[in-house]
C-alpha atoms as a PDB file:
ATOM      1  CA  ASP A   1    -173.567 132.391-101.253  1.00  0.00           C
ATOM      2  CA  ALA A   2    -173.743 134.154-104.617  1.00  0.00           C
ATOM      3  CA  ASP A   3    -177.390 135.146-104.078  1.00  0.00           C
ATOM      4  CA  ALA A   4    -176.341 137.202-101.049  1.00  0.00           C
ATOM      5  CA  PHE A   5    -174.151 139.326-103.330  1.00  0.00           C
ATOM      6  CA  LEU A   6    -177.038 139.805-105.749  1.00  0.00           C
ATOM      7  CA  ALA A   7    -179.230 140.973-102.858  1.00  0.00           C
ATOM      8  CA  ARG A   8    -176.818 143.899-102.330  1.00  0.00           C
ATOM      9  CA  MET A   9    -177.623 145.202-105.821  1.00  0.00           C
ATOM     10  CA  PRO A  10    -181.216 146.475-105.693  1.00  0.00           C
ATOM     11  CA  VAL A  11    -181.634 147.427-109.362  1.00  0.00           C
ATOM     12  CA  LEU A  12    -180.258 144.131-110.701  1.00  0.00           C
ATOM     13  CA  SER A  13    -182.162 142.192-108.032  1.00  0.00           C
ATOM     14  CA  GLU A  14    -185.449 143.777-109.092  1.00  0.00           C
ATOM     15  CA  LEU A  15    -184.755 143.140-112.779  1.00  0.00           C
ATOM     16  CA  THR A  16    -183.855 139.521-112.059  1.00  0.00           C
ATOM     17  CA  ALA A  17    -186.938 138.944-109.896  1.00  0.00           C
ATOM     18  CA  ASN A  18    -189.212 140.380-112.582  1.00  0.00           C
ATOM     19  CA  ARG A  19    -187.771 138.141-115.319  1.00  0.00           C
ATOM     20  CA  ALA A  20    -186.885 134.983-113.376  1.00  0.00           C
ATOM     21  CA  LEU A  21    -190.083 133.110-114.270  1.00  0.00           C
ATOM     22  CA  GLU A  22    -189.480 133.695-117.992  1.00  0.00           C
ATOM     23  CA  GLN A  23    -185.958 132.180-117.810  1.00  0.00           C
ATOM     24  CA  PRO A  24    -184.791 134.261-120.827  1.00  0.00           C
ATOM     25  CA  LEU A  25    -181.282 132.734-120.709  1.00  0.00           C
ATOM     26  CA  LYS A  26    -182.312 129.081-120.438  1.00  0.00           C
ATOM     27  CA  SER A  27    -181.008 128.352-123.961  1.00  0.00           C
ATOM     28  CA  THR A  28    -178.020 130.719-123.803  1.00  0.00           C
ATOM     29  CA  ARG A  29    -174.542 129.822-122.572  1.00  0.00           C
ATOM     30  CA  VAL A  30    -172.434 132.721-121.273  1.00  0.00           C
ATOM     31  CA  PHE A  31    -168.658 133.165-121.341  1.00  0.00           C
ATOM     32  CA  LEU A  32    -167.730 135.998-118.965  1.00  0.00           C
ATOM     33  CA  VAL A  33    -164.306 137.670-118.652  1.00  0.00           C
ATOM     34  CA  HIS A  34    -164.270 140.063-115.713  1.00  0.00           C
ATOM     35  CA  HIS A  35    -162.627 141.083-112.456  1.00  0.00           C
ATOM     36  CA  MET A  36    -163.680 139.231-109.331  1.00  0.00           C
ATOM     37  CA  THR A  37    -165.682 141.797-107.380  1.00  0.00           C
ATOM     38  CA  GLY A  38    -168.749 141.546-105.185  1.00  0.00           C
ATOM     39  CA  GLU A  39    -170.794 142.978-108.060  1.00  0.00           C
ATOM     40  CA  ILE A  40    -169.606 140.309-110.482  1.00  0.00           C
ATOM     41  CA  VAL A  41    -170.457 137.557-108.005  1.00  0.00           C
ATOM     42  CA  GLY A  42    -173.920 139.146-107.895  1.00  0.00           C
ATOM     43  CA  LEU A  43    -174.025 139.232-111.703  1.00  0.00           C
ATOM     44  CA  ILE A  44    -173.171 135.515-111.803  1.00  0.00           C
ATOM     45  CA  ALA A  45    -176.125 134.855-109.491  1.00  0.00           C
ATOM     46  CA  ALA A  46    -178.369 136.999-111.720  1.00  0.00           C
ATOM     47  CA  LEU A  47    -177.357 135.149-114.903  1.00  0.00           C
ATOM     48  CA  ARG A  48    -178.127 131.833-113.222  1.00  0.00           C
ATOM     49  CA  ALA A  49    -181.458 133.100-111.900  1.00  0.00           C
ATOM     50  CA  LEU A  50    -182.374 134.110-115.468  1.00  0.00           C
ATOM     51  CA  GLY A  51    -181.813 130.548-116.648  1.00  0.00           C
ATOM     52  CA  CYS A  52    -178.151 130.302-117.697  1.00  0.00           C
ATOM     53  CA  ARG A  53    -176.949 126.796-116.834  1.00  0.00           C
ATOM     54  CA  ASP A  54    -173.606 126.863-118.625  1.00  0.00           C
ATOM     55  CA  LEU A  55    -171.542 129.771-117.332  1.00  0.00           C
ATOM     56  CA  THR A  56    -167.766 129.939-117.707  1.00  0.00           C
ATOM     57  CA  VAL A  57    -165.890 132.806-116.058  1.00  0.00           C
ATOM     58  CA  LEU A  58    -162.296 133.799-116.740  1.00  0.00           C
ATOM     59  CA  PHE A  59    -161.480 136.141-113.884  1.00  0.00           C
ATOM     60  CA  VAL A  60    -159.098 139.045-114.561  1.00  0.00           C
ATOM     61  CA  SER A  61    -156.512 138.691-111.804  1.00  0.00           C
ATOM     62  CA  TYR A  62    -153.146 140.446-111.997  1.00  0.00           C
ATOM     63  CA  VAL A  63    -151.407 139.566-108.737  1.00  0.00           C
ATOM     64  CA  SER A  64    -153.564 139.521-105.607  1.00  0.00           C
ATOM     65  CA  ASP A  65    -155.600 136.613-104.261  1.00  0.00           C
ATOM     66  CA  PRO A  66    -159.408 136.911-104.345  1.00  0.00           C
ATOM     67  CA  PRO A  67    -161.278 137.529-101.071  1.00  0.00           C
ATOM     68  CA  ALA A  68    -162.267 134.206 -99.519  1.00  0.00           C
ATOM     69  CA  SER A  69    -165.944 135.193 -99.361  1.00  0.00           C
ATOM     70  CA  TYR A  70    -166.049 135.771-103.148  1.00  0.00           C
ATOM     71  CA  LEU A  71    -164.202 132.549-103.917  1.00  0.00           C
ATOM     72  CA  ASP A  72    -166.383 130.467-101.581  1.00  0.00           C
ATOM     73  CA  ALA A  73    -169.535 131.883-103.166  1.00  0.00           C
ATOM     74  CA  VAL A  74    -168.604 130.972-106.750  1.00  0.00           C
ATOM     75  CA  LEU A  75    -166.994 127.610-106.012  1.00  0.00           C
ATOM     76  CA  ASP A  76    -170.142 126.571-104.157  1.00  0.00           C
ATOM     77  CA  LEU A  77    -172.046 126.616-107.465  1.00  0.00           C
ATOM     78  CA  PRO A  78    -172.693 123.266-109.248  1.00  0.00           C
ATOM     79  CA  ALA A  79    -169.562 122.174-111.130  1.00  0.00           C
ATOM     80  CA  ASP A  80    -171.598 120.922-114.091  1.00  0.00           C
ATOM     81  CA  GLU A  81    -173.186 124.359-114.538  1.00  0.00           C
ATOM     82  CA  PHE A  82    -170.369 126.724-113.611  1.00  0.00           C
ATOM     83  CA  CYS A  83    -166.650 126.847-114.346  1.00  0.00           C
ATOM     84  CA  ALA A  84    -164.183 129.483-113.125  1.00  0.00           C
ATOM     85  CA  LEU A  85    -160.541 130.031-113.947  1.00  0.00           C
ATOM     86  CA  ALA A  86    -157.933 132.750-113.466  1.00  0.00           C
ATOM     87  CA  LEU A  87    -154.245 133.424-113.859  1.00  0.00           C
ATOM     88  CA  VAL A  88    -151.663 133.895-111.146  1.00  0.00           C
ATOM     89  CA  ASN A  89    -148.505 135.955-111.562  1.00  0.00           C
ATOM     90  CA  VAL A  90    -145.148 134.274-110.967  1.00  0.00           C
ATOM     91  CA  PRO A  91    -142.280 136.777-110.422  1.00  0.00           C
ATOM     92  CA  GLN A  92    -139.095 136.276-112.437  1.00  0.00           C
ATOM     93  CA  ARG A  93    -135.659 137.722-111.762  1.00  0.00           C
ATOM     94  CA  ASP A  94    -135.108 138.763-115.367  1.00  0.00           C
ATOM     95  CA  SER A  95    -138.584 140.174-116.008  1.00  0.00           C
ATOM     96  CA  VAL A  96    -140.491 143.079-114.506  1.00  0.00           C
ATOM     97  CA  GLU A  97    -143.853 141.536-115.390  1.00  0.00           C
ATOM     98  CA  GLY A  98    -142.934 137.943-114.632  1.00  0.00           C
ATOM     99  CA  VAL A  99    -144.928 135.086-116.134  1.00  0.00           C
ATOM    100  CA  TYR A 100    -148.457 133.780-115.668  1.00  0.00           C
ATOM    101  CA  ARG A 101    -149.881 130.372-114.837  1.00  0.00           C
ATOM    102  CA  LEU A 102    -153.332 128.973-114.214  1.00  0.00           C
ATOM    103  CA  SER A 103    -154.419 129.471-110.629  1.00  0.00           C
ATOM    104  CA  ARG A 104    -155.110 126.301-108.638  1.00  0.00           C
ATOM    105  CA  GLN A 105    -157.807 128.027-106.582  1.00  0.00           C
ATOM    106  CA  TYR A 106    -160.553 127.690-109.159  1.00  0.00           C
ATOM    107  CA  SER A 107    -162.314 124.953-111.148  1.00  0.00           C
ATOM    108  CA  ALA A 108    -160.481 121.895-112.462  1.00  0.00           C
ATOM    109  CA  LEU A 109    -160.151 121.900-116.270  1.00  0.00           C
ATOM    110  CA  GLU A 110    -159.938 118.781-118.401  1.00  0.00           C
ATOM    111  CA  GLU A 111    -157.632 120.682-120.750  1.00  0.00           C
ATOM    112  CA  CYS A 112    -155.490 122.049-117.906  1.00  0.00           C
ATOM    113  CA  GLU A 113    -152.099 120.913-119.271  1.00  0.00           C
ATOM    114  CA  GLU A 114    -152.855 122.201-122.756  1.00  0.00           C
ATOM    115  CA  VAL A 115    -153.983 125.593-121.449  1.00  0.00           C
ATOM    116  CA  GLU A 116    -151.021 125.891-119.078  1.00  0.00           C
ATOM    117  CA  ARG A 117    -148.499 125.310-121.870  1.00  0.00           C
ATOM    118  CA  ALA A 118    -150.031 128.108-123.949  1.00  0.00           C
ATOM    119  CA  VAL A 119    -150.283 130.475-120.965  1.00  0.00           C
ATOM    120  CA  GLU A 120    -146.700 129.935-119.829  1.00  0.00           C
ATOM    121  CA  SER A 121    -145.370 130.654-123.319  1.00  0.00           C
ATOM    122  CA  SER A 122    -147.120 134.055-123.342  1.00  0.00           C
ATOM    123  CA  SER A 123    -144.927 137.039-122.512  1.00  0.00           C
ATOM    124  CA  HIS A 124    -147.638 139.537-121.541  1.00  0.00           C
ATOM    125  CA  PHE A 125    -150.826 139.499-119.485  1.00  0.00           C
ATOM    126  CA  LEU A 126    -153.125 140.178-122.454  1.00  0.00           C
ATOM    127  CA  ASP A 127    -151.610 137.291-124.441  1.00  0.00           C
ATOM    128  CA  ALA A 128    -151.784 134.994-121.406  1.00  0.00           C
ATOM    129  CA  MET A 129    -155.456 135.810-120.847  1.00  0.00           C
ATOM    130  CA  ARG A 130    -156.281 135.078-124.461  1.00  0.00           C
ATOM    131  CA  ALA A 131    -154.348 131.812-124.298  1.00  0.00           C
ATOM    132  CA  ALA A 132    -156.231 130.859-121.118  1.00  0.00           C
ATOM    133  CA  GLY A 133    -159.671 131.665-122.496  1.00  0.00           C
ATOM    134  CA  VAL A 134    -159.723 130.312-126.041  1.00  0.00           C
ATOM    135  CA  VAL A 135    -159.972 126.567-125.264  1.00  0.00           C
ATOM    136  CA  PRO A 136    -162.744 126.851-122.607  1.00  0.00           C
ATOM    137  CA  PHE A 137    -164.574 129.243-124.956  1.00  0.00           C
ATOM    138  CA  LEU A 138    -164.411 126.815-127.888  1.00  0.00           C
ATOM    139  CA  ARG A 139    -165.495 123.953-125.595  1.00  0.00           C
ATOM    140  CA  GLN A 140    -168.539 125.974-124.575  1.00  0.00           C
ATOM    141  CA  ILE A 141    -169.335 126.663-128.232  1.00  0.00           C
ATOM    142  CA  ALA A 142    -169.113 122.905-128.891  1.00  0.00           C
ATOM    143  CA  ARG A 143    -171.558 122.192-126.049  1.00  0.00           C
ATOM    144  CA  ALA A 144    -173.942 124.788-127.475  1.00  0.00           C
ATOM    145  CA  GLU A 145    -173.640 123.203-130.902  1.00  0.00           C
ATOM    146  CA  ALA A 146    -174.421 119.751-129.505  1.00  0.00           C
ATOM    147  CA  SER A 147    -177.560 121.018-127.748  1.00  0.00           C
ATOM    148  CA  GLY A 148    -178.746 123.479-130.393  1.00  0.00           C
ATOM    149  CA  GLN A 149    -178.227 126.492-128.104  1.00  0.00           C
ATOM    150  CA  ARG A 150    -176.556 129.898-128.475  1.00  0.00           C
ATOM    151  CA  CYS A 151    -173.685 131.648-126.687  1.00  0.00           C
ATOM    152  CA  LEU A 152    -172.921 135.151-125.471  1.00  0.00           C
ATOM    153  CA  LEU A 153    -169.432 136.577-124.804  1.00  0.00           C
ATOM    154  CA  VAL A 154    -169.247 139.318-122.140  1.00  0.00           C
ATOM    155  CA  GLU A 155    -165.904 140.986-121.385  1.00  0.00           C
ATOM    156  CA  ASP A 156    -164.248 143.680-119.318  1.00  0.00           C
ATOM    157  CA  GLY A 157    -161.153 144.551-121.325  1.00  0.00           C
ATOM    158  CA  GLY A 158    -161.378 143.243-124.893  1.00  0.00           C
ATOM    159  CA  TYR A 159    -159.556 139.942-124.447  1.00  0.00           C
ATOM    160  CA  LEU A 160    -161.206 137.449-126.824  1.00  0.00           C
ATOM    161  CA  ALA A 161    -163.875 139.459-128.637  1.00  0.00           C
ATOM    162  CA  PRO A 162    -161.677 141.743-130.813  1.00  0.00           C
ATOM    163  CA  VAL A 163    -159.505 138.786-131.904  1.00  0.00           C
ATOM    164  CA  LEU A 164    -162.596 136.694-132.577  1.00  0.00           C
ATOM    165  CA  HIS A 165    -164.256 139.392-134.703  1.00  0.00           C
ATOM    166  CA  ASP A 166    -161.010 139.921-136.624  1.00  0.00           C
ATOM    167  CA  CYS A 167    -160.532 136.199-137.316  1.00  0.00           C
ATOM    168  CA  LEU A 168    -164.151 135.822-138.429  1.00  0.00           C
ATOM    169  CA  LEU A 169    -163.693 138.648-140.922  1.00  0.00           C
ATOM    170  CA  ARG A 170    -160.467 137.054-142.202  1.00  0.00           C
ATOM    171  CA  ASP A 171    -162.415 133.821-142.732  1.00  0.00           C
ATOM    172  CA  LEU A 172    -160.002 131.696-140.703  1.00  0.00           C
ATOM    173  CA  SER A 173    -160.557 128.126-139.641  1.00  0.00           C
ATOM    174  CA  VAL A 174    -160.940 127.079-136.014  1.00  0.00           C
ATOM    175  CA  LYS A 175    -157.420 125.650-136.211  1.00  0.00           C
ATOM    176  CA  GLN A 176    -155.962 128.943-137.472  1.00  0.00           C
ATOM    177  CA  PHE A 177    -157.863 130.966-134.851  1.00  0.00           C
ATOM    178  CA  ALA A 178    -156.607 128.748-132.021  1.00  0.00           C
ATOM    179  CA  SER A 179    -153.066 128.796-133.422  1.00  0.00           C
ATOM    180  CA  GLU A 180    -152.956 132.600-133.282  1.00  0.00           C
ATOM    181  CA  LEU A 181    -153.705 132.321-129.556  1.00  0.00           C
ATOM    182  CA  GLY A 182    -151.077 129.668-128.843  1.00  0.00           C
ATOM    183  CA  HIS A 183    -153.052 126.425-129.235  1.00  0.00           C
ATOM    184  CA  ASP A 184    -152.929 123.465-131.590  1.00  0.00           C
ATOM    185  CA  ILE A 185    -156.506 122.338-132.269  1.00  0.00           C
ATOM    186  CA  ASP A 186    -157.164 119.897-135.080  1.00  0.00           C
ATOM    187  CA  ASP A 187    -160.338 121.417-136.513  1.00  0.00           C
ATOM    188  CA  ASP A 188    -160.255 122.664-140.113  1.00  0.00           C
ATOM    189  CA  ARG A 189    -163.860 123.823-140.122  1.00  0.00           C
ATOM    190  CA  SER A 190    -164.561 127.475-140.806  1.00  0.00           C
ATOM    191  CA  LEU A 191    -164.644 129.650-137.672  1.00  0.00           C
ATOM    192  CA  GLN A 192    -167.792 131.234-139.112  1.00  0.00           C
ATOM    193  CA  GLU A 193    -169.447 127.827-139.353  1.00  0.00           C
ATOM    194  CA  VAL A 194    -168.525 126.817-135.797  1.00  0.00           C
ATOM    195  CA  VAL A 195    -168.606 130.070-133.826  1.00  0.00           C
ATOM    196  CA  GLY A 196    -170.329 132.655-135.995  1.00  0.00           C
ATOM    197  CA  SER A 197    -173.484 130.561-136.232  1.00  0.00           C
ATOM    198  CA  ARG A 198    -173.686 130.020-132.447  1.00  0.00           C
ATOM    199  CA  LEU A 199    -172.581 133.361-130.990  1.00  0.00           C
ATOM    200  CA  LEU A 200    -175.361 135.912-130.465  1.00  0.00           C
ATOM    201  CA  GLY A 201    -172.809 138.699-130.145  1.00  0.00           C
ATOM    202  CA  THR A 202    -170.294 140.238-127.754  1.00  0.00           C
ATOM    203  CA  VAL A 203    -170.601 142.735-124.913  1.00  0.00           C
ATOM    204  CA  GLU A 204    -167.788 145.030-123.722  1.00  0.00           C
ATOM    205  CA  HIS A 205    -167.585 147.028-120.492  1.00  0.00           C
ATOM    206  CA  THR A 206    -164.324 149.009-120.820  1.00  0.00           C
ATOM    207  CA  ARG A 207    -162.889 151.713-123.041  1.00  0.00           C
ATOM    208  CA  ASN A 208    -159.798 149.567-123.739  1.00  0.00           C
ATOM    209  CA  GLY A 209    -161.972 146.805-125.142  1.00  0.00           C
ATOM    210  CA  PHE A 210    -164.165 149.298-126.999  1.00  0.00           C
ATOM    211  CA  ASP A 211    -161.117 150.849-128.692  1.00  0.00           C
ATOM    212  CA  ARG A 212    -159.785 147.413-129.682  1.00  0.00           C
ATOM    213  CA  MET A 213    -163.134 146.605-131.268  1.00  0.00           C
ATOM    214  CA  ILE A 214    -163.213 149.941-133.106  1.00  0.00           C
ATOM    215  CA  ARG A 215    -159.760 149.211-134.563  1.00  0.00           C
ATOM    216  CA  VAL A 216    -161.091 145.914-135.953  1.00  0.00           C
ATOM    217  CA  GLN A 217    -164.101 147.705-137.421  1.00  0.00           C
ATOM    218  CA  ASP A 218    -161.914 150.426-138.963  1.00  0.00           C
ATOM    219  CA  GLN A 219    -159.608 147.825-140.497  1.00  0.00           C
ATOM    220  CA  HIS A 220    -162.380 145.751-142.077  1.00  0.00           C
ATOM    221  CA  GLY A 221    -165.114 148.356-142.473  1.00  0.00           C
ATOM    222  CA  ARG A 222    -167.589 146.314-140.422  1.00  0.00           C
ATOM    223  CA  LEU A 223    -168.010 143.720-137.685  1.00  0.00           C
ATOM    224  CA  PRO A 224    -169.330 140.210-138.367  1.00  0.00           C
ATOM    225  CA  LEU A 225    -171.535 140.021-135.257  1.00  0.00           C
ATOM    226  CA  PRO A 226    -173.382 142.481-133.021  1.00  0.00           C
ATOM    227  CA  ALA A 227    -170.983 144.106-130.541  1.00  0.00           C
ATOM    228  CA  TYR A 228    -172.579 145.948-127.640  1.00  0.00           C
ATOM    229  CA  SER A 229    -170.708 148.229-125.252  1.00  0.00           C
ATOM    230  CA  ILE A 230    -171.381 150.400-122.221  1.00  0.00           C
ATOM    231  CA  ALA A 231    -167.824 151.819-122.313  1.00  0.00           C
ATOM    232  CA  ILE A 232    -168.733 155.320-123.474  1.00  0.00           C
ATOM    233  CA  SER A 233    -172.045 155.588-121.642  1.00  0.00           C
ATOM    234  CA  ARG A 234    -172.630 158.533-119.296  1.00  0.00           C
ATOM    235  CA  LEU A 235    -172.763 156.152-116.349  1.00  0.00           C
ATOM    236  CA  LYS A 236    -169.257 154.828-117.111  1.00  0.00           C
ATOM    237  CA  ARG A 237    -167.612 158.088-118.161  1.00  0.00           C
ATOM    238  CA  GLU A 238    -169.052 160.419-115.541  1.00  0.00           C
ATOM    239  CA  VAL A 239    -170.583 158.574-112.610  1.00  0.00           C
ATOM    240  CA  GLU A 240    -168.370 155.482-112.301  1.00  0.00           C
ATOM    241  CA  SER A 241    -165.128 157.308-113.102  1.00  0.00           C
ATOM    242  CA  ARG A 242    -165.797 159.805-110.305  1.00  0.00           C
ATOM    243  CA  GLU A 243    -166.413 157.036-107.769  1.00  0.00           C
ATOM    244  CA  VAL A 244    -163.398 154.993-108.919  1.00  0.00           C
ATOM    245  CA  ALA A 245    -161.153 158.055-108.618  1.00  0.00           C
ATOM    246  CA  ALA A 246    -162.417 158.690-105.088  1.00  0.00           C
ATOM    247  CA  SER A 247    -161.815 155.056-104.108  1.00  0.00           C
ATOM    248  CA  VAL A 248    -158.283 155.086-105.530  1.00  0.00           C
ATOM    249  CA  LEU A 249    -157.312 158.284-103.729  1.00  0.00           C
ATOM    250  CA  ASN A 250    -158.854 157.093-100.455  1.00  0.00           C
ATOM    251  CA  ALA A 251    -156.813 153.886-100.687  1.00  0.00           C
ATOM    252  CA  ILE A 252    -153.583 155.799-101.397  1.00  0.00           C
ATOM    253  CA  GLU A 253    -154.279 158.160 -98.525  1.00  0.00           C
ATOM    254  CA  ALA A 254    -154.918 155.249 -96.147  1.00  0.00           C
ATOM    255  CA  VAL A 255    -151.567 153.673 -97.076  1.00  0.00           C
ATOM    256  CA  LEU A 256    -149.740 156.963 -96.555  1.00  0.00           C
ATOM    257  CA  ASN A 257    -151.496 157.653 -93.242  1.00  0.00           C
ATOM    258  CA  ALA A 258    -150.611 154.181 -91.963  1.00  0.00           C
ATOM    259  CA  ASP A 259    -146.946 155.156 -92.391  1.00  0.00           C
ATOM    260  CA  GLY A 260    -147.367 158.546 -90.707  1.00  0.00           C
ATOM    261  CA  ARG A 261    -147.438 160.506 -93.968  1.00  0.00           C
ATOM    262  CA  VAL A 262    -150.029 162.700 -95.662  1.00  0.00           C
ATOM    263  CA  LEU A 263    -151.156 163.088 -99.251  1.00  0.00           C
ATOM    264  CA  ALA A 264    -151.346 166.867 -99.074  1.00  0.00           C
ATOM    265  CA  ARG A 265    -147.555 167.279 -99.019  1.00  0.00           C
ATOM    266  CA  ARG A 266    -146.837 165.002-102.002  1.00  0.00           C
ATOM    267  CA  THR A 267    -146.011 165.896-105.583  1.00  0.00           C
ATOM    268  CA  CYS A 268    -148.402 163.930-107.795  1.00  0.00           C
ATOM    269  CA  LEU A 269    -148.091 162.688-111.367  1.00  0.00           C
ATOM    270  CA  VAL A 270    -151.215 161.186-112.951  1.00  0.00           C
ATOM    271  CA  LEU A 271    -150.646 158.854-115.900  1.00  0.00           C
ATOM    272  CA  GLY A 272    -153.634 158.891-118.267  1.00  0.00           C
ATOM    273  CA  SER A 273    -154.794 162.266-116.975  1.00  0.00           C
ATOM    274  CA  ARG A 274    -157.093 162.887-119.969  1.00  0.00           C
ATOM    275  CA  GLY A 275    -159.040 159.647-119.521  1.00  0.00           C
ATOM    276  CA  ALA A 276    -162.316 159.489-117.627  1.00  0.00           C
ATOM    277  CA  ILE A 277    -160.787 158.222-114.360  1.00  0.00           C
ATOM    278  CA  GLY A 278    -157.540 160.190-114.691  1.00  0.00           C
ATOM    279  CA  ARG A 279    -159.461 163.402-115.242  1.00  0.00           C
ATOM    280  CA  GLU A 280    -161.463 162.834-112.057  1.00  0.00           C
ATOM    281  CA  VAL A 281    -158.280 161.942-110.112  1.00  0.00           C
ATOM    282  CA  CYS A 282    -156.740 165.276-111.168  1.00  0.00           C
ATOM    283  CA  ARG A 283    -159.893 167.158-110.230  1.00  0.00           C
ATOM    284  CA  SER A 284    -159.977 165.580-106.756  1.00  0.00           C
ATOM    285  CA  LEU A 285    -156.245 166.107-106.175  1.00  0.00           C
ATOM    286  CA  ARG A 286    -156.578 169.852-106.758  1.00  0.00           C
ATOM    287  CA  SER A 287    -158.449 170.085-103.464  1.00  0.00           C
ATOM    288  CA  ARG A 288    -156.354 167.483-101.608  1.00  0.00           C
ATOM    289  CA  ILE A 289    -152.768 168.618-102.132  1.00  0.00           C
ATOM    290  CA  ASP A 290    -150.910 171.836-101.330  1.00  0.00           C
ATOM    291  CA  SER A 291    -150.122 174.116-104.274  1.00  0.00           C
ATOM    292  CA  PRO A 292    -151.657 171.923-107.019  1.00  0.00           C
ATOM    293  CA  GLU A 293    -150.504 174.401-109.687  1.00  0.00           C
ATOM    294  CA  ARG A 294    -146.920 173.448-108.767  1.00  0.00           C
ATOM    295  CA  ASN A 295    -147.268 169.916-107.339  1.00  0.00           C
ATOM    296  CA  LEU A 296    -149.715 168.269-109.766  1.00  0.00           C
ATOM    297  CA  ALA A 297    -148.863 167.104-113.275  1.00  0.00           C
ATOM    298  CA  GLY A 298    -150.549 164.812-115.770  1.00  0.00           C
ATOM    299  CA  ILE A 299    -149.566 162.827-118.855  1.00  0.00           C
END
């Protein structure tokens, strides 16, 4: 179950155990946009242990199916307290990227047909994710409003938060906000009145999302709500990027070895070689390939 994944994370487990009796999230509803990993399943368990009883997760899924153990763990949670959704890629002959639809592997949505229409009309993954998330997010805000509670938006990639901050600063209505993300919602109330008064703030985990938020701040000179980020922390830039680079290269090497080939004899091009992960990939490749001064390039 999800608690087993939390048990694999000693620091988060200790934090959760120390705060569980206080239930600090008992009046906070969380909307989470993240990849489905063992750590995120553990995070879901931690949020619930800290009192969150309305948790909606939009999983970031490009193509592959989730591991059965992860899926079983989250779908075993009470349906009235937890909702999960994700997109699935559908290849198209005339498109490299293909199109996206709601996956049938996750929770059933009352607004399924409405969300699917908006998702299928989106031409890119980012647009499809925003179209998939906006209705469940607004429904969660409505539940918080009905019960006098607050919400928190946590993301890994800047899907909803930058658009939300921008629309709040432009003083749009809920109807206008939803329309920009592909939905027709008949609610002329101010987005600030509906969302701004209920949302504690947003949290971002990636540099992509951080940069999108900075662009909104530069355009308007401020942000309407607190926006927290770990994207440029030392742990993300130095520690995590080094481990991600090692994992990526190990995976590539395993694929090559399975076909009787070796990484050392390849010519390597690293896209994004000045980013945190790309920089670490280049550093590791210098000791893994022959003649890196001739066979390693970066953009």
